[in-house]
PDB file of N, CA and C in Angstrom:
ATOM      1  N   ARG A   1       0.853  -1.190   0.000  1.00  0.00           N
ATOM      2  CA  ARG A   1       0.000   0.000   0.000  1.00  0.00           C
ATOM      3  C   ARG A   1       0.886   1.235   0.000  1.00  0.00           C
ATOM      4  N   PRO A   2       0.561   2.220  -0.869  1.00  0.00           N
ATOM      5  CA  PRO A   2       1.384   3.429  -0.921  1.00  0.00           C
ATOM      6  C   PRO A   2       1.314   4.181   0.408  1.00  0.00           C
ATOM      7  N   PRO A   3       2.357   4.955   0.734  1.00  0.00           N
ATOM      8  CA  PRO A   3       2.299   5.784   1.939  1.00  0.00           C
ATOM      9  C   PRO A   3       1.073   6.688   1.899  1.00  0.00           C
ATOM     10  N   ALA A   4       0.571   7.042   3.078  1.00  0.00           N
ATOM     11  CA  ALA A   4      -0.662   7.821   3.167  1.00  0.00           C
ATOM     12  C   ALA A   4      -0.578   9.152   2.430  1.00  0.00           C
ATOM     13  N   ASP A   5       0.630   9.715   2.312  1.00  0.00           N
ATOM     14  CA  ASP A   5       0.741  11.003   1.643  1.00  0.00           C
ATOM     15  C   ASP A   5       0.967  10.874   0.133  1.00  0.00           C
ATOM     16  N   GLU A   6       1.071   9.656  -0.372  1.00  0.00           N
ATOM     17  CA  GLU A   6       1.259   9.441  -1.803  1.00  0.00           C
ATOM     18  C   GLU A   6      -0.102   9.296  -2.485  1.00  0.00           C
ATOM     19  N   ALA A   7      -0.299  10.055  -3.549  1.00  0.00           N
ATOM     20  CA  ALA A   7      -1.574  10.004  -4.264  1.00  0.00           C
ATOM     21  C   ALA A   7      -1.752   8.646  -4.943  1.00  0.00           C
ATOM     22  N   VAL A   8      -2.962   8.121  -4.857  1.00  0.00           N
ATOM     23  CA  VAL A   8      -3.309   6.882  -5.542  1.00  0.00           C
ATOM     24  C   VAL A   8      -4.184   7.270  -6.735  1.00  0.00           C
ATOM     25  N   PRO A   9      -3.904   6.745  -7.919  1.00  0.00           N
ATOM     26  CA  PRO A   9      -4.726   7.090  -9.083  1.00  0.00           C
ATOM     27  C   PRO A   9      -6.202   6.745  -8.871  1.00  0.00           C
ATOM     28  N   GLU A  10      -7.040   7.450  -9.576  1.00  0.00           N
ATOM     29  CA  GLU A  10      -8.474   7.177  -9.549  1.00  0.00           C
ATOM     30  C   GLU A  10      -8.824   6.172 -10.639  1.00  0.00           C
ATOM     31  N   LEU A  11      -9.808   5.345 -10.361  1.00  0.00           N
ATOM     32  CA  LEU A  11     -10.298   4.390 -11.347  1.00  0.00           C
ATOM     33  C   LEU A  11     -11.051   5.108 -12.478  1.00  0.00           C
ATOM     34  N   ALA A  12     -11.571   6.280 -12.186  1.00  0.00           N
ATOM     35  CA  ALA A  12     -12.354   7.033 -13.170  1.00  0.00           C
ATOM     36  C   ALA A  12     -11.570   7.193 -14.474  1.00  0.00           C
ATOM     37  N   GLY A  13     -12.262   7.002 -15.589  1.00  0.00           N
ATOM     38  CA  GLY A  13     -11.657   7.173 -16.900  1.00  0.00           C
ATOM     39  C   GLY A  13     -12.055   6.077 -17.865  1.00  0.00           C
ATOM     40  N   GLU A  14     -11.363   6.061 -19.001  1.00  0.00           N
ATOM     41  CA  GLU A  14     -11.625   5.100 -20.073  1.00  0.00           C
ATOM     42  C   GLU A  14     -10.514   4.053 -20.082  1.00  0.00           C
ATOM     43  N   TRP A  15     -10.893   2.788 -20.189  1.00  0.00           N
ATOM     44  CA  TRP A  15      -9.945   1.680 -20.089  1.00  0.00           C
ATOM     45  C   TRP A  15     -10.183   0.646 -21.187  1.00  0.00           C
ATOM     46  N   LYS A  16      -9.143  -0.098 -21.496  1.00  0.00           N
ATOM     47  CA  LYS A  16      -9.242  -1.293 -22.333  1.00  0.00           C
ATOM     48  C   LYS A  16      -8.987  -2.478 -21.407  1.00  0.00           C
ATOM     49  N   VAL A  17      -9.900  -3.450 -21.408  1.00  0.00           N
ATOM     50  CA  VAL A  17      -9.688  -4.662 -20.624  1.00  0.00           C
ATOM     51  C   VAL A  17      -8.687  -5.516 -21.401  1.00  0.00           C
ATOM     52  N   THR A  18      -7.564  -5.832 -20.770  1.00  0.00           N
ATOM     53  CA  THR A  18      -6.478  -6.525 -21.472  1.00  0.00           C
ATOM     54  C   THR A  18      -6.315  -7.981 -21.063  1.00  0.00           C
ATOM     55  N   GLY A  19      -6.866  -8.361 -19.910  1.00  0.00           N
ATOM     56  CA  GLY A  19      -6.699  -9.741 -19.485  1.00  0.00           C
ATOM     57  C   GLY A  19      -7.530 -10.074 -18.281  1.00  0.00           C
ATOM     58  N   GLU A  20      -7.597 -11.375 -18.005  1.00  0.00           N
ATOM     59  CA  GLU A  20      -8.270 -11.850 -16.808  1.00  0.00           C
ATOM     60  C   GLU A  20      -7.514 -13.056 -16.288  1.00  0.00           C
ATOM     61  N   ASN A  21      -7.341 -13.081 -14.962  1.00  0.00           N
ATOM     62  CA  ASN A  21      -6.626 -14.164 -14.286  1.00  0.00           C
ATOM     63  C   ASN A  21      -5.262 -14.444 -14.917  1.00  0.00           C
ATOM     64  N   ALA A  22      -4.504 -13.366 -15.133  1.00  0.00           N
ATOM     65  CA  ALA A  22      -3.131 -13.410 -15.656  1.00  0.00           C
ATOM     66  C   ALA A  22      -3.019 -13.963 -17.074  1.00  0.00           C
ATOM     67  N   GLN A  23      -4.105 -13.959 -17.817  1.00  0.00           N
ATOM     68  CA  GLN A  23      -4.113 -14.413 -19.205  1.00  0.00           C
ATOM     69  C   GLN A  23      -4.669 -13.300 -20.094  1.00  0.00           C
ATOM     70  N   PRO A  24      -4.132 -13.147 -21.307  1.00  0.00           N
ATOM     71  CA  PRO A  24      -4.736 -12.169 -22.229  1.00  0.00           C
ATOM     72  C   PRO A  24      -6.140 -12.624 -22.624  1.00  0.00           C
ATOM     73  N   LEU A  25      -6.970 -11.674 -22.992  1.00  0.00           N
ATOM     74  CA  LEU A  25      -8.317 -12.029 -23.457  1.00  0.00           C
ATOM     75  C   LEU A  25      -8.212 -12.874 -24.717  1.00  0.00           C
ATOM     76  N   ASP A  26      -9.110 -13.818 -24.852  1.00  0.00           N
ATOM     77  CA  ASP A  26      -9.129 -14.733 -25.994  1.00  0.00           C
ATOM     78  C   ASP A  26     -10.493 -14.642 -26.660  1.00  0.00           C
ATOM     79  N   GLN A  27     -10.785 -13.471 -27.223  1.00  0.00           N
ATOM     80  CA  GLN A  27     -12.056 -13.276 -27.912  1.00  0.00           C
ATOM     81  C   GLN A  27     -11.881 -12.241 -29.003  1.00  0.00           C
ATOM     82  N   ILE A  28     -12.798 -12.254 -29.970  1.00  0.00           N
ATOM     83  CA  ILE A  28     -12.672 -11.336 -31.103  1.00  0.00           C
ATOM     84  C   ILE A  28     -13.219  -9.947 -30.791  1.00  0.00           C
ATOM     85  N   PHE A  29     -14.047  -9.830 -29.759  1.00  0.00           N
ATOM     86  CA  PHE A  29     -14.664  -8.543 -29.428  1.00  0.00           C
ATOM     87  C   PHE A  29     -13.773  -7.765 -28.460  1.00  0.00           C
ATOM     88  N   PRO A  30     -13.358  -6.536 -28.810  1.00  0.00           N
ATOM     89  CA  PRO A  30     -12.609  -5.736 -27.841  1.00  0.00           C
ATOM     90  C   PRO A  30     -13.506  -5.428 -26.645  1.00  0.00           C
ATOM     91  N   MET A  31     -12.907  -5.363 -25.477  1.00  0.00           N
ATOM     92  CA  MET A  31     -13.647  -5.080 -24.257  1.00  0.00           C
ATOM     93  C   MET A  31     -13.127  -3.764 -23.700  1.00  0.00           C
ATOM     94  N   THR A  32     -14.004  -2.766 -23.566  1.00  0.00           N
ATOM     95  CA  THR A  32     -13.612  -1.480 -23.013  1.00  0.00           C
ATOM     96  C   THR A  32     -14.409  -1.207 -21.747  1.00  0.00           C
ATOM     97  N   ALA A  33     -13.848  -0.365 -20.888  1.00  0.00           N
ATOM     98  CA  ALA A  33     -14.505  -0.032 -19.630  1.00  0.00           C
ATOM     99  C   ALA A  33     -14.508   1.479 -19.449  1.00  0.00           C
ATOM    100  N   THR A  34     -15.589   1.983 -18.874  1.00  0.00           N
ATOM    101  CA  THR A  34     -15.714   3.385 -18.518  1.00  0.00           C
ATOM    102  C   THR A  34     -16.082   3.463 -17.047  1.00  0.00           C
ATOM    103  N   ALA A  35     -15.295   4.197 -16.285  1.00  0.00           N
ATOM    104  CA  ALA A  35     -15.589   4.439 -14.875  1.00  0.00           C
ATOM    105  C   ALA A  35     -15.859   5.928 -14.710  1.00  0.00           C
ATOM    106  N   ALA A  36     -17.096   6.247 -14.329  1.00  0.00           N
ATOM    107  CA  ALA A  36     -17.498   7.646 -14.171  1.00  0.00           C
ATOM    108  C   ALA A  36     -18.704   7.717 -13.246  1.00  0.00           C
ATOM    109  N   GLY A  37     -18.730   8.722 -12.408  1.00  0.00           N
ATOM    110  CA  GLY A  37     -19.882   8.946 -11.546  1.00  0.00           C
ATOM    111  C   GLY A  37     -20.206   7.772 -10.639  1.00  0.00           C
ATOM    112  N   GLY A  38     -19.187   7.039 -10.209  1.00  0.00           N
ATOM    113  CA  GLY A  38     -19.416   5.910  -9.316  1.00  0.00           C
ATOM    114  C   GLY A  38     -19.968   4.675  -9.994  1.00  0.00           C
ATOM    115  N   ARG A  39     -19.879   4.618 -11.315  1.00  0.00           N
ATOM    116  CA  ARG A  39     -20.382   3.461 -12.069  1.00  0.00           C
ATOM    117  C   ARG A  39     -19.290   2.981 -13.021  1.00  0.00           C
ATOM    118  N   LEU A  40     -19.023   1.661 -13.022  1.00  0.00           N
ATOM    119  CA  LEU A  40     -18.107   1.041 -13.976  1.00  0.00           C
ATOM    120  C   LEU A  40     -18.942   0.257 -14.976  1.00  0.00           C
ATOM    121  N   THR A  41     -18.751   0.546 -16.257  1.00  0.00           N
ATOM    122  CA  THR A  41     -19.472  -0.154 -17.315  1.00  0.00           C
ATOM    123  C   THR A  41     -18.467  -0.740 -18.290  1.00  0.00           C
ATOM    124  N   ILE A  42     -18.626  -2.027 -18.588  1.00  0.00           N
ATOM    125  CA  ILE A  42     -17.772  -2.697 -19.560  1.00  0.00           C
ATOM    126  C   ILE A  42     -18.618  -3.018 -20.780  1.00  0.00           C
ATOM    127  N   ALA A  43     -18.116  -2.627 -21.950  1.00  0.00           N
ATOM    128  CA  ALA A  43     -18.796  -2.903 -23.215  1.00  0.00           C
ATOM    129  C   ALA A  43     -17.957  -3.899 -24.009  1.00  0.00           C
ATOM    130  N   SER A  44     -18.624  -4.930 -24.521  1.00  0.00           N
ATOM    131  CA  SER A  44     -17.971  -5.954 -25.331  1.00  0.00           C
ATOM    132  C   SER A  44     -18.943  -6.329 -26.438  1.00  0.00           C
ATOM    133  N   ASP A  45     -18.796  -5.674 -27.608  1.00  0.00           N
ATOM    134  CA  ASP A  45     -19.731  -5.880 -28.707  1.00  0.00           C
ATOM    135  C   ASP A  45     -21.125  -5.513 -28.206  1.00  0.00           C
ATOM    136  N   CYS A  46     -22.061  -6.441 -28.191  1.00  0.00           N
ATOM    137  CA  CYS A  46     -23.435  -6.158 -27.780  1.00  0.00           C
ATOM    138  C   CYS A  46     -23.722  -6.559 -26.330  1.00  0.00           C
ATOM    139  N   VAL A  47     -22.689  -6.870 -25.569  1.00  0.00           N
ATOM    140  CA  VAL A  47     -22.838  -7.212 -24.155  1.00  0.00           C
ATOM    141  C   VAL A  47     -22.360  -6.030 -23.321  1.00  0.00           C
ATOM    142  N   SER A  48     -23.112  -5.708 -22.280  1.00  0.00           N
ATOM    143  CA  SER A  48     -22.744  -4.638 -21.363  1.00  0.00           C
ATOM    144  C   SER A  48     -22.804  -5.177 -19.937  1.00  0.00           C
ATOM    145  N   LEU A  49     -21.740  -4.931 -19.180  1.00  0.00           N
ATOM    146  CA  LEU A  49     -21.670  -5.326 -17.783  1.00  0.00           C
ATOM    147  C   LEU A  49     -21.471  -4.057 -16.973  1.00  0.00           C
ATOM    148  N   GLY A  50     -22.157  -3.914 -15.854  1.00  0.00           N
ATOM    149  CA  GLY A  50     -22.019  -2.690 -15.076  1.00  0.00           C
ATOM    150  C   GLY A  50     -22.161  -2.916 -13.588  1.00  0.00           C
ATOM    151  N   TRP A  51     -21.504  -2.040 -12.818  1.00  0.00           N
ATOM    152  CA  TRP A  51     -21.548  -2.073 -11.365  1.00  0.00           C
ATOM    153  C   TRP A  51     -21.455  -0.649 -10.838  1.00  0.00           C
ATOM    154  N   ASP A  52     -22.050  -0.415  -9.677  1.00  0.00           N
ATOM    155  CA  ASP A  52     -21.717   0.771  -8.900  1.00  0.00           C
ATOM    156  C   ASP A  52     -20.382   0.464  -8.235  1.00  0.00           C
ATOM    157  N   TYR A  53     -19.552   1.476  -8.041  1.00  0.00           N
ATOM    158  CA  TYR A  53     -18.288   1.213  -7.351  1.00  0.00           C
ATOM    159  C   TYR A  53     -17.931   2.343  -6.404  1.00  0.00           C
ATOM    160  N   ARG A  54     -17.141   1.971  -5.401  1.00  0.00           N
ATOM    161  CA  ARG A  54     -16.548   2.920  -4.467  1.00  0.00           C
ATOM    162  C   ARG A  54     -15.051   2.648  -4.449  1.00  0.00           C
ATOM    163  N   GLN A  55     -14.270   3.714  -4.338  1.00  0.00           N
ATOM    164  CA  GLN A  55     -12.819   3.576  -4.246  1.00  0.00           C
ATOM    165  C   GLN A  55     -12.321   4.419  -3.086  1.00  0.00           C
ATOM    166  N   ASP A  56     -11.565   3.801  -2.197  1.00  0.00           N
ATOM    167  CA  ASP A  56     -10.872   4.493  -1.118  1.00  0.00           C
ATOM    168  C   ASP A  56      -9.404   4.110  -1.244  1.00  0.00           C
ATOM    169  N   ARG A  57      -8.645   4.953  -1.947  1.00  0.00           N
ATOM    170  CA  ARG A  57      -7.257   4.648  -2.287  1.00  0.00           C
ATOM    171  C   ARG A  57      -7.218   3.348  -3.098  1.00  0.00           C
ATOM    172  N   ASN A  58      -6.597   2.291  -2.586  1.00  0.00           N
ATOM    173  CA  ASN A  58      -6.515   1.033  -3.333  1.00  0.00           C
ATOM    174  C   ASN A  58      -7.651   0.065  -3.017  1.00  0.00           C
ATOM    175  N   VAL A  59      -8.506   0.416  -2.092  1.00  0.00           N
ATOM    176  CA  VAL A  59      -9.617  -0.457  -1.714  1.00  0.00           C
ATOM    177  C   VAL A  59     -10.829  -0.095  -2.572  1.00  0.00           C
ATOM    178  N   VAL A  60     -11.399  -1.104  -3.226  1.00  0.00           N
ATOM    179  CA  VAL A  60     -12.567  -0.891  -4.080  1.00  0.00           C
ATOM    180  C   VAL A  60     -13.686  -1.855  -3.696  1.00  0.00           C
ATOM    181  N   ALA A  61     -14.894  -1.476  -4.033  1.00  0.00           N
ATOM    182  CA  ALA A  61     -16.053  -2.344  -3.849  1.00  0.00           C
ATOM    183  C   ALA A  61     -16.979  -2.143  -5.041  1.00  0.00           C
ATOM    184  N   PHE A  62     -17.466  -3.248  -5.590  1.00  0.00           N
ATOM    185  CA  PHE A  62     -18.363  -3.216  -6.750  1.00  0.00           C
ATOM    186  C   PHE A  62     -19.685  -3.846  -6.349  1.00  0.00           C
ATOM    187  N   THR A  63     -20.783  -3.110  -6.533  1.00  0.00           N
ATOM    188  CA  THR A  63     -22.110  -3.570  -6.112  1.00  0.00           C
ATOM    189  C   THR A  63     -23.134  -3.302  -7.205  1.00  0.00           C
ATOM    190  N   ASN A  64     -24.355  -3.775  -6.994  1.00  0.00           N
ATOM    191  CA  ASN A  64     -25.477  -3.555  -7.916  1.00  0.00           C
ATOM    192  C   ASN A  64     -25.139  -3.925  -9.352  1.00  0.00           C
ATOM    193  N   PRO A  65     -24.736  -5.190  -9.589  1.00  0.00           N
ATOM    194  CA  PRO A  65     -24.392  -5.593 -10.957  1.00  0.00           C
ATOM    195  C   PRO A  65     -25.594  -5.547 -11.896  1.00  0.00           C
ATOM    196  N   ALA A  66     -25.319  -5.220 -13.138  1.00  0.00           N
ATOM    197  CA  ALA A  66     -26.348  -5.225 -14.185  1.00  0.00           C
ATOM    198  C   ALA A  66     -25.707  -5.733 -15.467  1.00  0.00           C
ATOM    199  N   THR A  67     -26.394  -6.644 -16.154  1.00  0.00           N
ATOM    200  CA  THR A  67     -25.884  -7.230 -17.383  1.00  0.00           C
ATOM    201  C   THR A  67     -26.915  -7.085 -18.491  1.00  0.00           C
ATOM    202  N   VAL A  68     -26.458  -6.672 -19.666  1.00  0.00           N
ATOM    203  CA  VAL A  68     -27.306  -6.656 -20.861  1.00  0.00           C
ATOM    204  C   VAL A  68     -26.667  -7.621 -21.851  1.00  0.00           C
ATOM    205  N   GLU A  69     -27.417  -8.616 -22.253  1.00  0.00           N
ATOM    206  CA  GLU A  69     -26.907  -9.609 -23.194  1.00  0.00           C
ATOM    207  C   GLU A  69     -27.564  -9.420 -24.559  1.00  0.00           C
ATOM    208  N   CYS A  70     -27.040 -10.162 -25.527  1.00  0.00           N
ATOM    209  CA  CYS A  70     -27.606 -10.146 -26.862  1.00  0.00           C
ATOM    210  C   CYS A  70     -27.753 -11.595 -27.330  1.00  0.00           C
ATOM    211  N   ALA A  71     -28.204 -11.770 -28.550  1.00  0.00           N
ATOM    212  CA  ALA A  71     -28.526 -13.112 -29.061  1.00  0.00           C
ATOM    213  C   ALA A  71     -27.337 -14.064 -29.031  1.00  0.00           C
ATOM    214  N   ARG A  72     -26.117 -13.553 -29.135  1.00  0.00           N
ATOM    215  CA  ARG A  72     -24.950 -14.445 -29.166  1.00  0.00           C
ATOM    216  C   ARG A  72     -24.600 -14.999 -27.790  1.00  0.00           C
ATOM    217  N   GLY A  73     -25.222 -14.473 -26.721  1.00  0.00           N
ATOM    218  CA  GLY A  73     -24.850 -14.891 -25.379  1.00  0.00           C
ATOM    219  C   GLY A  73     -23.569 -14.201 -24.960  1.00  0.00           C
ATOM    220  N   ARG A  74     -22.858 -14.780 -23.987  1.00  0.00           N
ATOM    221  CA  ARG A  74     -21.619 -14.182 -23.501  1.00  0.00           C
ATOM    222  C   ARG A  74     -20.450 -15.124 -23.742  1.00  0.00           C
ATOM    223  N   THR A  75     -19.282 -14.517 -23.962  1.00  0.00           N
ATOM    224  CA  THR A  75     -18.068 -15.309 -24.155  1.00  0.00           C
ATOM    225  C   THR A  75     -17.534 -15.751 -22.788  1.00  0.00           C
ATOM    226  N   ALA A  76     -16.621 -16.709 -22.806  1.00  0.00           N
ATOM    227  CA  ALA A  76     -15.986 -17.164 -21.568  1.00  0.00           C
ATOM    228  C   ALA A  76     -15.267 -15.999 -20.884  1.00  0.00           C
ATOM    229  N   ASN A  77     -14.589 -15.140 -21.658  1.00  0.00           N
ATOM    230  CA  ASN A  77     -13.915 -13.979 -21.065  1.00  0.00           C
ATOM    231  C   ASN A  77     -14.909 -13.037 -20.395  1.00  0.00           C
ATOM    232  N   GLU A  78     -16.033 -12.783 -21.031  1.00  0.00           N
ATOM    233  CA  GLU A  78     -17.036 -11.893 -20.441  1.00  0.00           C
ATOM    234  C   GLU A  78     -17.547 -12.450 -19.117  1.00  0.00           C
ATOM    235  N   ILE A  79     -17.764 -13.744 -19.059  1.00  0.00           N
ATOM    236  CA  ILE A  79     -18.236 -14.384 -17.826  1.00  0.00           C
ATOM    237  C   ILE A  79     -17.179 -14.284 -16.731  1.00  0.00           C
ATOM    238  N   GLU A  80     -15.920 -14.543 -17.078  1.00  0.00           N
ATOM    239  CA  GLU A  80     -14.837 -14.483 -16.094  1.00  0.00           C
ATOM    240  C   GLU A  80     -14.578 -13.053 -15.619  1.00  0.00           C
ATOM    241  N   VAL A  81     -14.637 -12.084 -16.518  1.00  0.00           N
ATOM    242  CA  VAL A  81     -14.454 -10.686 -16.142  1.00  0.00           C
ATOM    243  C   VAL A  81     -15.570 -10.257 -15.191  1.00  0.00           C
ATOM    244  N   GLU A  82     -16.794 -10.637 -15.488  1.00  0.00           N
ATOM    245  CA  GLU A  82     -17.919 -10.303 -14.614  1.00  0.00           C
ATOM    246  C   GLU A  82     -17.710 -10.886 -13.216  1.00  0.00           C
ATOM    247  N   LYS A  83     -17.293 -12.131 -13.144  1.00  0.00           N
ATOM    248  CA  LYS A  83     -17.032 -12.793 -11.863  1.00  0.00           C
ATOM    249  C   LYS A  83     -15.915 -12.090 -11.101  1.00  0.00           C
ATOM    250  N   ALA A  84     -14.819 -11.784 -11.787  1.00  0.00           N
ATOM    251  CA  ALA A  84     -13.663 -11.160 -11.139  1.00  0.00           C
ATOM    252  C   ALA A  84     -13.994  -9.775 -10.595  1.00  0.00           C
ATOM    253  N   ILE A  85     -14.656  -8.950 -11.388  1.00  0.00           N
ATOM    254  CA  ILE A  85     -14.964  -7.597 -10.917  1.00  0.00           C
ATOM    255  C   ILE A  85     -15.987  -7.649  -9.791  1.00  0.00           C
ATOM    256  N   GLY A  86     -16.937  -8.546  -9.868  1.00  0.00           N
ATOM    257  CA  GLY A  86     -17.925  -8.677  -8.793  1.00  0.00           C
ATOM    258  C   GLY A  86     -17.294  -8.982  -7.444  1.00  0.00           C
ATOM    259  N   GLY A  87     -16.144  -9.670  -7.443  1.00  0.00           N
ATOM    260  CA  GLY A  87     -15.472 -10.010  -6.203  1.00  0.00           C
ATOM    261  C   GLY A  87     -14.257  -9.167  -5.900  1.00  0.00           C
ATOM    262  N   ALA A  88     -13.970  -8.172  -6.752  1.00  0.00           N
ATOM    263  CA  ALA A  88     -12.755  -7.372  -6.574  1.00  0.00           C
ATOM    264  C   ALA A  88     -12.863  -6.465  -5.349  1.00  0.00           C
ATOM    265  N   ASN A  89     -11.743  -6.383  -4.602  1.00  0.00           N
ATOM    266  CA  ASN A  89     -11.704  -5.485  -3.453  1.00  0.00           C
ATOM    267  C   ASN A  89     -10.403  -4.669  -3.395  1.00  0.00           C
ATOM    268  N   ILE A  90      -9.498  -4.902  -4.342  1.00  0.00           N
ATOM    269  CA  ILE A  90      -8.228  -4.177  -4.389  1.00  0.00           C
ATOM    270  C   ILE A  90      -7.976  -3.705  -5.828  1.00  0.00           C
ATOM    271  N   ALA A  91      -7.533  -2.467  -5.962  1.00  0.00           N
ATOM    272  CA  ALA A  91      -7.105  -1.918  -7.254  1.00  0.00           C
ATOM    273  C   ALA A  91      -5.614  -1.644  -7.161  1.00  0.00           C
ATOM    274  N   LEU A  92      -4.820  -2.391  -7.928  1.00  0.00           N
ATOM    275  CA  LEU A  92      -3.369  -2.224  -7.936  1.00  0.00           C
ATOM    276  C   LEU A  92      -2.966  -1.475  -9.201  1.00  0.00           C
ATOM    277  N   PHE A  93      -2.593  -0.220  -9.032  1.00  0.00           N
ATOM    278  CA  PHE A  93      -2.213   0.628 -10.158  1.00  0.00           C
ATOM    279  C   PHE A  93      -0.717   0.525 -10.405  1.00  0.00           C
ATOM    280  N   GLU A  94      -0.328   0.566 -11.682  1.00  0.00           N
ATOM    281  CA  GLU A  94       1.078   0.562 -12.079  1.00  0.00           C
ATOM    282  C   GLU A  94       1.272   1.584 -13.190  1.00  0.00           C
ATOM    283  N   ASP A  95       2.535   1.807 -13.549  1.00  0.00           N
ATOM    284  CA  ASP A  95       2.877   2.717 -14.648  1.00  0.00           C
ATOM    285  C   ASP A  95       2.242   4.095 -14.461  1.00  0.00           C
ATOM    286  N   GLY A  96       2.301   4.609 -13.237  1.00  0.00           N
ATOM    287  CA  GLY A  96       1.758   5.937 -12.976  1.00  0.00           C
ATOM    288  C   GLY A  96       0.261   6.027 -13.168  1.00  0.00           C
ATOM    289  N   GLY A  97      -0.440   4.927 -12.968  1.00  0.00           N
ATOM    290  CA  GLY A  97      -1.895   4.914 -13.114  1.00  0.00           C
ATOM    291  C   GLY A  97      -2.371   4.550 -14.506  1.00  0.00           C
ATOM    292  N   LYS A  98      -1.445   4.175 -15.397  1.00  0.00           N
ATOM    293  CA  LYS A  98      -1.836   3.808 -16.768  1.00  0.00           C
ATOM    294  C   LYS A  98      -2.392   2.394 -16.858  1.00  0.00           C
ATOM    295  N   THR A  99      -2.082   1.546 -15.876  1.00  0.00           N
ATOM    296  CA  THR A  99      -2.634   0.191 -15.837  1.00  0.00           C
ATOM    297  C   THR A  99      -3.161  -0.082 -14.431  1.00  0.00           C
ATOM    298  N   VAL A 100      -4.109  -1.010 -14.362  1.00  0.00           N
ATOM    299  CA  VAL A 100      -4.672  -1.397 -13.070  1.00  0.00           C
ATOM    300  C   VAL A 100      -5.046  -2.873 -13.117  1.00  0.00           C
ATOM    301  N   GLN A 101      -4.897  -3.512 -11.982  1.00  0.00           N
ATOM    302  CA  GLN A 101      -5.419  -4.860 -11.803  1.00  0.00           C
ATOM    303  C   GLN A 101      -6.452  -4.782 -10.697  1.00  0.00           C
ATOM    304  N   LEU A 102      -7.662  -5.233 -11.010  1.00  0.00           N
ATOM    305  CA  LEU A 102      -8.737  -5.320 -10.028  1.00  0.00           C
ATOM    306  C   LEU A 102      -8.767  -6.764  -9.555  1.00  0.00           C
ATOM    307  N   SER A 103      -8.510  -6.975  -8.271  1.00  0.00           N
ATOM    308  CA  SER A 103      -8.353  -8.333  -7.757  1.00  0.00           C
ATOM    309  C   SER A 103      -9.222  -8.558  -6.533  1.00  0.00           C
ATOM    310  N   GLY A 104      -9.588  -9.828  -6.350  1.00  0.00           N
ATOM    311  CA  GLY A 104     -10.362 -10.220  -5.177  1.00  0.00           C
ATOM    312  C   GLY A 104     -10.742 -11.679  -5.253  1.00  0.00           C
ATOM    313  N   THR A 105     -11.844 -12.014  -4.611  1.00  0.00           N
ATOM    314  CA  THR A 105     -12.260 -13.414  -4.482  1.00  0.00           C
ATOM    315  C   THR A 105     -12.656 -14.061  -5.797  1.00  0.00           C
ATOM    316  N   GLY A 106     -13.002 -13.269  -6.813  1.00  0.00           N
ATOM    317  CA  GLY A 106     -13.436 -13.837  -8.089  1.00  0.00           C
ATOM    318  C   GLY A 106     -12.357 -13.928  -9.143  1.00  0.00           C
ATOM    319  N   GLY A 107     -11.141 -13.465  -8.819  1.00  0.00           N
ATOM    320  CA  GLY A 107     -10.061 -13.481  -9.798  1.00  0.00           C
ATOM    321  C   GLY A 107      -9.512 -12.079  -9.999  1.00  0.00           C
ATOM    322  N   THR A 108      -8.865 -11.867 -11.141  1.00  0.00           N
ATOM    323  CA  THR A 108      -8.187 -10.612 -11.442  1.00  0.00           C
ATOM    324  C   THR A 108      -8.514 -10.162 -12.857  1.00  0.00           C
ATOM    325  N   VAL A 109      -8.756  -8.869 -13.010  1.00  0.00           N
ATOM    326  CA  VAL A 109      -8.958  -8.250 -14.320  1.00  0.00           C
ATOM    327  C   VAL A 109      -7.885  -7.190 -14.507  1.00  0.00           C
ATOM    328  N   ALA A 110      -7.198  -7.211 -15.658  1.00  0.00           N
ATOM    329  CA  ALA A 110      -6.184  -6.220 -15.980  1.00  0.00           C
ATOM    330  C   ALA A 110      -6.748  -5.239 -17.011  1.00  0.00           C
ATOM    331  N   MET A 111      -6.467  -3.947 -16.800  1.00  0.00           N
ATOM    332  CA  MET A 111      -6.939  -2.920 -17.719  1.00  0.00           C
ATOM    333  C   MET A 111      -5.846  -1.880 -17.944  1.00  0.00           C
ATOM    334  N   SER A 112      -5.858  -1.275 -19.137  1.00  0.00           N
ATOM    335  CA  SER A 112      -4.937  -0.190 -19.496  1.00  0.00           C
ATOM    336  C   SER A 112      -5.754   1.021 -19.909  1.00  0.00           C
ATOM    337  N   ARG A 113      -5.281   2.194 -19.529  1.00  0.00           N
ATOM    338  CA  ARG A 113      -6.004   3.430 -19.901  1.00  0.00           C
ATOM    339  C   ARG A 113      -5.982   3.636 -21.411  1.00  0.00           C
ATOM    340  N   LEU A 114      -7.090   4.122 -21.916  1.00  0.00           N
ATOM    341  CA  LEU A 114      -7.170   4.485 -23.340  1.00  0.00           C
ATOM    342  C   LEU A 114      -6.728   5.920 -23.518  1.00  0.00           C
TER     343      LEU A 114
END
């Protein structure tokens, strides 16, 4: 954990989901995330995953999940990302806040700022 006087980046912003559980995504649909106004939304083609979130430095909580699906259903990556973010309680920022790993009981999601 960074010293109390060291600024921790905010999750707010535009992100590209780059991996889950230490593996790169294995799907044809790019997955992007937007964190704004206390809401994280992930878009992957016609699938949308969303949560309310709170961040206190590196501690995060994701609640009130909402999913919009389409006729194709969801990919394995989309299911795993949903599980990982739903259980995430830590945000580990690197590269001056350009990358983040959201980790917790459901696994890990890696994202890079757009």
